[in-house]
């Protein structure tokens, strides 16, 4: 990525990180003006894709894990079972992102399909 800036700094989730380097654009047969975005966690992207953008809204995401993603105006107090929280970690705009879930749910679903759906 060429961001025309040699500073080390943090960018907002989903914002423009820069454009493709000419050598990469040529290898991929793409225009050099293609914008490269900052990285985002898949479950966090699902919150945005679901159209959730207000405090108090929750999205449950099912994949290789199950994540419950909640937006809040307020910094959370310690909550047992809460995996993490970060301001503007899911969506820019001064909202806290809170996350909890089960990391093995994809394996549980595979077991269910293999062992119970075949009955």
Protein backbone atom coordinates (compact mmCIF):
# COMPACT_ATOMS: atom_id res chain seq x y z
CA UNK A 1 0.00 0.00 0.00
CA UNK A 2 1.21 3.44 -0.87
CA UNK A 3 -0.27 5.95 1.56
CA UNK A 4 2.16 8.76 0.64
CA UNK A 5 2.97 9.13 4.30
CA UNK A 6 5.85 7.57 6.20
CA UNK A 7 4.26 8.10 9.61
CA UNK A 8 3.16 5.21 11.77
CA UNK A 9 -0.41 5.91 12.85
CA UNK A 10 -3.71 4.18 13.51
CA UNK A 11 -6.58 4.41 11.04
CA UNK A 12 -10.30 3.97 11.63
CA UNK A 13 -11.83 0.58 10.87
CA UNK A 14 -12.71 0.32 7.18
CA UNK A 15 -11.06 3.60 6.21
CA UNK A 16 -8.72 4.18 3.28
CA UNK A 17 -5.21 2.90 4.02
CA UNK A 18 -3.84 4.01 0.67
CA UNK A 19 -3.68 2.84 -2.94
CA UNK A 20 -2.00 -0.12 -4.58
CA UNK A 21 1.71 0.08 -5.18
CA UNK A 22 2.41 0.25 -8.93
CA UNK A 23 4.28 -3.09 -8.85
CA UNK A 24 1.33 -4.85 -7.16
CA UNK A 25 -1.21 -3.22 -9.47
CA UNK A 26 0.77 -4.47 -12.47
CA UNK A 27 1.06 -8.05 -11.10
CA UNK A 28 -2.71 -8.14 -10.43
CA UNK A 29 -3.60 -6.34 -13.66
CA UNK A 30 -5.41 -3.64 -11.69
CA UNK A 31 -5.47 0.13 -11.95
CA UNK A 32 -3.00 1.88 -9.63
CA UNK A 33 -5.82 4.01 -8.23
CA UNK A 34 -7.51 1.02 -6.52
CA UNK A 35 -8.16 1.95 -2.88
CA UNK A 36 -6.93 -0.41 -0.18
CA UNK A 37 -8.99 -0.35 3.02
CA UNK A 38 -7.84 -1.07 6.54
CA UNK A 39 -8.52 -4.53 7.91
CA UNK A 40 -11.69 -5.40 9.80
CA UNK A 41 -12.64 -8.50 11.79
CA UNK A 42 -15.28 -10.59 9.97
CA UNK A 43 -17.81 -10.57 12.81
CA UNK A 44 -17.36 -6.82 13.19
CA UNK A 45 -18.01 -6.37 9.46
CA UNK A 46 -21.24 -8.36 9.89
CA UNK A 47 -22.53 -5.71 12.30
CA UNK A 48 -22.12 -3.04 9.62
CA UNK A 49 -23.55 -5.35 6.93
CA UNK A 50 -26.64 -5.93 9.11
CA UNK A 51 -27.24 -2.18 9.17
CA UNK A 52 -26.66 -1.87 12.89
CA UNK A 53 -25.28 1.54 13.84
CA UNK A 54 -26.93 2.62 17.11
CA UNK A 55 -26.29 2.04 20.77
CA UNK A 56 -28.24 -0.87 22.26
CA UNK A 57 -28.38 -2.89 19.04
CA UNK A 58 -27.02 -6.45 19.03
CA UNK A 59 -26.06 -8.74 16.15
CA UNK A 60 -25.50 -12.49 16.53
CA UNK A 61 -23.04 -13.83 13.96
CA UNK A 62 -22.73 -17.56 13.24
CA UNK A 63 -19.68 -19.01 11.51
CA UNK A 64 -16.69 -20.93 12.79
CA UNK A 65 -17.56 -19.18 16.03
CA UNK A 66 -20.69 -17.53 17.38
CA UNK A 67 -20.25 -13.88 18.23
CA UNK A 68 -22.68 -11.55 19.92
CA UNK A 69 -21.73 -8.01 18.97
CA UNK A 70 -23.30 -5.08 20.83
CA UNK A 71 -22.89 -1.34 20.32
CA UNK A 72 -23.04 0.93 23.37
CA UNK A 73 -22.71 4.63 24.16
CA UNK A 74 -21.16 3.76 27.49
CA UNK A 75 -17.88 2.18 28.49
CA UNK A 76 -18.66 -1.26 29.90
CA UNK A 77 -18.06 -2.31 33.47
CA UNK A 78 -16.40 -5.71 33.81
CA UNK A 79 -18.91 -8.39 32.81
CA UNK A 80 -18.23 -12.13 33.27
CA UNK A 81 -18.16 -13.79 29.86
CA UNK A 82 -17.50 -10.61 27.90
CA UNK A 83 -14.65 -11.38 25.51
CA UNK A 84 -13.70 -7.81 24.80
CA UNK A 85 -14.69 -4.21 24.37
CA UNK A 86 -13.14 -1.31 22.54
CA UNK A 87 -14.24 2.17 21.63
CA UNK A 88 -14.83 2.52 17.87
CA UNK A 89 -13.57 -1.05 17.36
CA UNK A 90 -16.61 -2.08 15.34
CA UNK A 91 -17.87 1.22 14.00
CA UNK A 92 -16.40 4.73 14.02
CA UNK A 93 -18.47 7.32 15.88
CA UNK A 94 -17.75 7.10 19.60
CA UNK A 95 -19.64 3.84 20.15
CA UNK A 96 -18.22 1.04 22.25
CA UNK A 97 -18.15 -2.40 20.66
CA UNK A 98 -18.72 -5.29 23.06
CA UNK A 99 -18.17 -8.90 22.06
CA UNK A 100 -19.01 -12.27 23.57
CA UNK A 101 -19.38 -15.69 22.02
CA UNK A 102 -18.49 -19.33 21.69
CA UNK A 103 -15.35 -20.17 19.72
CA UNK A 104 -16.27 -23.82 19.04
CA UNK A 105 -19.75 -23.39 17.57
CA UNK A 106 -18.67 -24.23 14.03
CA UNK A 107 -17.38 -27.60 15.24
CA UNK A 108 -20.61 -28.15 17.18
CA UNK A 109 -22.67 -27.45 14.06
CA UNK A 110 -20.53 -29.88 12.02
CA UNK A 111 -21.05 -32.57 14.70
CA UNK A 112 -24.81 -31.95 14.64
CA UNK A 113 -24.99 -32.24 10.85
CA UNK A 114 -22.85 -35.41 10.80
CA UNK A 115 -24.48 -37.20 13.74
CA UNK A 116 -28.08 -36.02 14.01
CA UNK A 117 -29.27 -34.92 10.58
CA UNK A 118 -28.47 -38.32 9.09
CA UNK A 119 -30.97 -40.07 11.44
